[in-house]
Structures are given as C-alpha cells and as structure tokens.
Amino acid sequence: MALKSWYEKGMTFEQYRTSMQVNQQELNRIYEQLVLSEEDVKTFEDMAKRNWSGIVLTADWCGDAALCVPIVQRIAELSNMELRFLIRDENLELMDQYLTNGTSRSIPIFIFIDQDGQETKVWGPRSPEVQEFITSLRAGLPAADAPDFQEKQQNVFRQFKERITTDPAVWGTVVESVKAKLQD
C-alpha cells in the first residue's frame, strides 16, 4: 500500500487524542505546556512551504509516544503539516517497514511525506538524549532471572515515564532532534 493510502487511513490528532485510554493526561500536559523558542517557531514556520504531511505509527500505552506525539504535533502545526495517526498493532504491514535497528517495532515513528506521497524523512522513536537516559536506567537493573527484576523494572519504567512527561528539558531534546532531522 502506498504511503498516501496509509495517510488517508489515519486518524487526525484530535481523533487519536480522544480515543486514548492510557497516557492521555501526559500527552495533553506536554501539548499544552510545550514552549518553543522564537528561533524554533521561525524554523518550523519556514518549513510550511514544503507542503509535507506525516504518518505517525503510535499507541496510547507507549510512554515515548506520550512524549513525542504532542511535540511533533506542535511542530507540524507550525509547519502547516497535517499528521495522521495509525495504531501500531493494527498496521503491522507498515510498521514492519520501519523497524528500529531492523528488529524492533519501537514507536512512535513519524514518516514525513511530500505532496505526491513519497517518503521524505523518518524520525523516531526517541531523541538520542532520551535513549541515553533509558539506557542508563536499564543499566542498573539486576539480571532478568533475579527475584526482584520485575519490581525493579517497573520502577525504571515509572521513573522514565515521570521524567519524560514532566521535564521540559527532555521535551527540548525531542524538538532539537526532530528539527535536525527535518533540516538535514
């Protein structure tokens, strides 16, 4: 299926947001509280002439999506870019074309397309700084067969989600990473 067809199949941001059962509060917080610099606003407004659209592979249970979706949505609004949202597990044929490291169905994945429906850029699932943060948290986990592994892993996930959905400095790393990708 061509990318334009996937795009047409997707939900709008509002449809996606209102359908969320998990992480809606976190997504809304970031969407409402994100502050972009004047320079960033100008950069993204200048991208409007590209006439791009975007397909977002996501799921409401994903902490990375709660972080990245509202930020990229704000960027898209400034860039006059309509994003359409597809739930990962309902669209595996497309998801499997955008595996992280060739093996993982990590989300969110943002596929930017031109007016002819051709892929122009792909970004996701995380900024390098967010990846470093989760890697450092995971480094402190015991072996997977340790009796307290599950409990400690849940604590890591809670700590990760809390930081990425409340820390504007983390949000800024996503802005910078997306900006760099769209400008290259």
Protein backbone atom coordinates (compact mmCIF):
# COMPACT_ATOMS: atom_id res chain seq x y z
CA MET A 1 0.00 0.00 0.00
CA ALA A 2 1.39 3.39 -0.98
CA LEU A 3 2.16 5.87 1.80
CA LYS A 4 -0.61 8.20 0.63
CA SER A 5 -3.13 5.40 1.24
CA TRP A 6 -1.75 4.81 4.74
CA TYR A 7 -2.02 8.55 5.41
CA GLU A 8 -5.64 8.63 4.27
CA LYS A 9 -6.44 5.70 6.56
CA GLY A 10 -5.10 7.51 9.65
CA MET A 11 -6.86 9.43 12.40
CA THR A 12 -6.48 13.15 12.95
CA PHE A 13 -4.69 14.30 16.10
CA GLU A 14 -8.00 15.06 17.81
CA GLN A 15 -9.43 11.65 16.89
CA TYR A 16 -6.32 9.95 18.22
CA ARG A 17 -6.22 12.04 21.38
CA THR A 18 -9.86 11.48 22.25
CA SER A 19 -9.57 7.74 21.57
CA MET A 20 -6.73 7.35 24.08
CA GLN A 21 -7.32 5.10 27.09
CA VAL A 22 -3.77 5.41 28.50
CA ASN A 23 -1.38 8.38 28.81
CA GLN A 24 -3.91 10.95 27.59
CA GLN A 25 -3.24 13.22 30.59
CA GLU A 26 0.52 13.09 29.96
CA LEU A 27 0.12 13.77 26.23
CA ASN A 28 -2.21 16.69 26.93
CA ARG A 29 0.18 18.15 29.53
CA ILE A 30 3.06 18.21 27.08
CA TYR A 31 0.89 19.50 24.23
CA GLU A 32 -0.42 22.37 26.38
CA GLN A 33 2.83 23.25 28.19
CA LEU A 34 5.41 22.96 25.41
CA VAL A 35 7.17 26.27 24.82
CA LEU A 36 9.23 26.70 21.66
CA SER A 37 11.86 29.36 21.20
CA GLU A 38 11.28 32.18 18.70
CA GLU A 39 14.04 30.67 16.58
CA ASP A 40 12.33 27.25 16.59
CA VAL A 41 8.98 28.81 15.70
CA LYS A 42 10.56 30.63 12.75
CA THR A 43 12.38 27.47 11.61
CA PHE A 44 9.20 25.39 11.66
CA GLU A 45 7.07 28.11 10.07
CA ASP A 46 9.62 28.29 7.23
CA MET A 47 9.06 24.57 6.60
CA ALA A 48 5.40 25.20 5.69
CA LYS A 49 6.32 25.86 2.06
CA ARG A 50 7.39 22.21 1.71
CA ASN A 51 3.75 21.10 1.69
CA TRP A 52 4.52 17.88 3.59
CA SER A 53 2.23 15.58 5.56
CA GLY A 54 3.03 12.92 8.10
CA ILE A 55 2.07 9.43 9.16
CA VAL A 56 2.54 8.54 12.83
CA LEU A 57 2.76 4.95 14.00
CA THR A 58 1.83 5.04 17.67
CA ALA A 59 -0.14 3.55 20.56
CA ASP A 60 -1.57 5.20 23.63
CA TRP A 61 0.15 2.81 26.07
CA CYS A 62 3.61 3.93 24.90
CA GLY A 63 5.45 6.43 27.11
CA ASP A 64 7.66 7.55 24.23
CA ALA A 65 4.52 8.34 22.23
CA ALA A 66 3.11 10.35 25.15
CA LEU A 67 6.31 12.41 24.95
CA CYS A 68 6.91 12.70 21.20
CA VAL A 69 3.42 12.83 19.67
CA PRO A 70 2.37 16.17 21.24
CA ILE A 71 5.75 17.75 20.47
CA VAL A 72 5.77 16.70 16.82
CA GLN A 73 2.09 17.69 16.56
CA ARG A 74 3.02 21.23 17.68
CA ILE A 75 5.89 21.27 15.16
CA ALA A 76 3.50 20.06 12.46
CA GLU A 77 1.02 22.81 13.28
CA LEU A 78 3.70 25.47 12.87
CA SER A 79 4.87 23.80 9.63
CA ASN A 80 1.34 23.62 8.21
CA MET A 81 1.74 19.86 8.13
CA GLU A 82 -1.20 17.53 8.72
CA LEU A 83 -0.32 14.40 10.69
CA ARG A 84 -2.39 11.23 10.59
CA PHE A 85 -2.18 8.61 13.31
CA LEU A 86 -2.16 4.83 12.91
CA ILE A 87 -2.15 2.38 15.80
CA ARG A 88 0.97 0.23 15.54
CA ASP A 89 -0.57 -3.18 16.21
CA GLU A 90 -3.39 -2.56 13.72
CA ASN A 91 -0.93 -1.61 10.97
CA LEU A 92 1.92 -4.10 11.22
CA GLU A 93 2.40 -4.24 7.44
CA LEU A 94 3.52 -0.60 7.55
CA MET A 95 5.22 -0.87 10.95
CA ASP A 96 7.42 -3.71 9.75
CA GLN A 97 8.86 -1.41 7.08
CA TYR A 98 10.11 0.96 9.82
CA LEU A 99 11.68 -1.35 12.40
CA THR A 100 14.17 0.19 14.81
CA ASN A 101 17.58 -1.44 14.36
CA GLY A 102 15.92 -3.74 11.81
CA THR A 103 14.25 -5.81 14.52
CA SER A 104 12.10 -3.79 16.93
CA ARG A 105 8.61 -2.37 16.47
CA SER A 106 9.54 0.67 18.56
CA ILE A 107 7.18 3.62 18.43
CA PRO A 108 6.39 6.35 17.76
CA ILE A 109 7.63 6.52 14.19
CA PHE A 110 6.98 9.68 12.18
CA ILE A 111 7.03 9.24 8.40
CA PHE A 112 7.07 12.58 6.58
CA ILE A 113 5.78 12.54 3.01
CA ASP A 114 5.68 15.06 0.19
CA GLN A 115 2.57 16.07 -1.74
CA ASP A 116 2.99 13.06 -4.04
CA GLY A 117 3.02 10.69 -1.08
CA GLN A 118 6.74 9.97 -1.30
CA GLU A 119 8.73 9.49 1.89
CA THR A 120 10.99 12.44 2.60
CA LYS A 121 12.16 11.89 6.20
CA VAL A 122 11.60 9.43 9.05
CA TRP A 123 12.10 10.20 12.75
CA GLY A 124 11.59 8.18 15.90
CA PRO A 125 11.18 6.65 18.31
CA ARG A 126 13.39 8.81 20.62
CA SER A 127 15.87 11.64 20.76
CA PRO A 128 19.43 10.46 21.44
CA GLU A 129 19.29 12.02 24.91
CA VAL A 130 16.11 10.12 25.83
CA GLN A 131 17.74 6.92 24.57
CA GLU A 132 20.78 7.61 26.77
CA PHE A 133 18.51 8.19 29.77
CA ILE A 134 16.64 4.89 29.40
CA THR A 135 19.88 3.03 28.69
CA SER A 136 21.40 4.39 31.92
CA LEU A 137 18.29 3.46 33.90
CA ARG A 138 18.28 -0.07 32.48
CA ALA A 139 21.99 -0.49 33.28
CA GLY A 140 21.09 -0.53 36.96
CA LEU A 141 18.66 -3.44 36.62
CA PRO A 142 19.54 -6.84 38.02
CA ALA A 143 19.70 -9.91 35.77
CA ALA A 144 16.36 -10.85 34.18
CA ASP A 145 16.19 -14.02 36.27
CA ALA A 146 16.77 -12.18 39.57
CA PRO A 147 13.85 -12.42 42.03
CA ASP A 148 13.43 -8.63 42.18
CA PHE A 149 13.85 -7.98 38.43
CA GLN A 150 10.13 -7.39 37.71
CA GLU A 151 9.75 -4.96 40.60
CA LYS A 152 12.91 -3.03 39.70
CA GLN A 153 11.96 -2.96 36.02
CA GLN A 154 8.56 -1.47 36.89
CA ASN A 155 10.33 1.19 38.97
CA VAL A 156 12.58 2.01 36.00
CA PHE A 157 9.53 2.37 33.73
CA ARG A 158 7.79 4.62 36.28
CA GLN A 159 10.88 6.80 36.71
CA PHE A 160 11.34 7.04 32.93
CA LYS A 161 7.72 7.97 32.26
CA GLU A 162 7.63 10.52 35.08
CA ARG A 163 10.72 12.33 33.83
CA ILE A 164 9.93 12.36 30.12
CA THR A 165 6.38 13.58 30.63
CA THR A 166 7.18 16.35 33.13
CA ASP A 167 10.64 17.70 32.29
CA PRO A 168 10.69 20.50 29.67
CA ALA A 169 14.46 19.95 29.20
CA VAL A 170 13.67 16.44 27.93
CA TRP A 171 11.00 17.88 25.65
CA GLY A 172 13.63 20.23 24.22
CA THR A 173 15.80 17.28 23.21
CA VAL A 174 12.92 15.97 21.11
CA VAL A 175 12.40 19.37 19.49
CA GLU A 176 16.10 19.61 18.62
CA SER A 177 16.28 16.05 17.30
CA VAL A 178 13.20 16.45 15.09
CA LYS A 179 14.41 19.83 13.87
CA ALA A 180 17.80 18.38 12.93
CA LYS A 181 16.15 15.52 11.04
CA LEU A 182 13.76 17.79 9.15
CA GLN A 183 16.54 20.20 8.23
CA ASP A 184 19.11 17.64 7.01
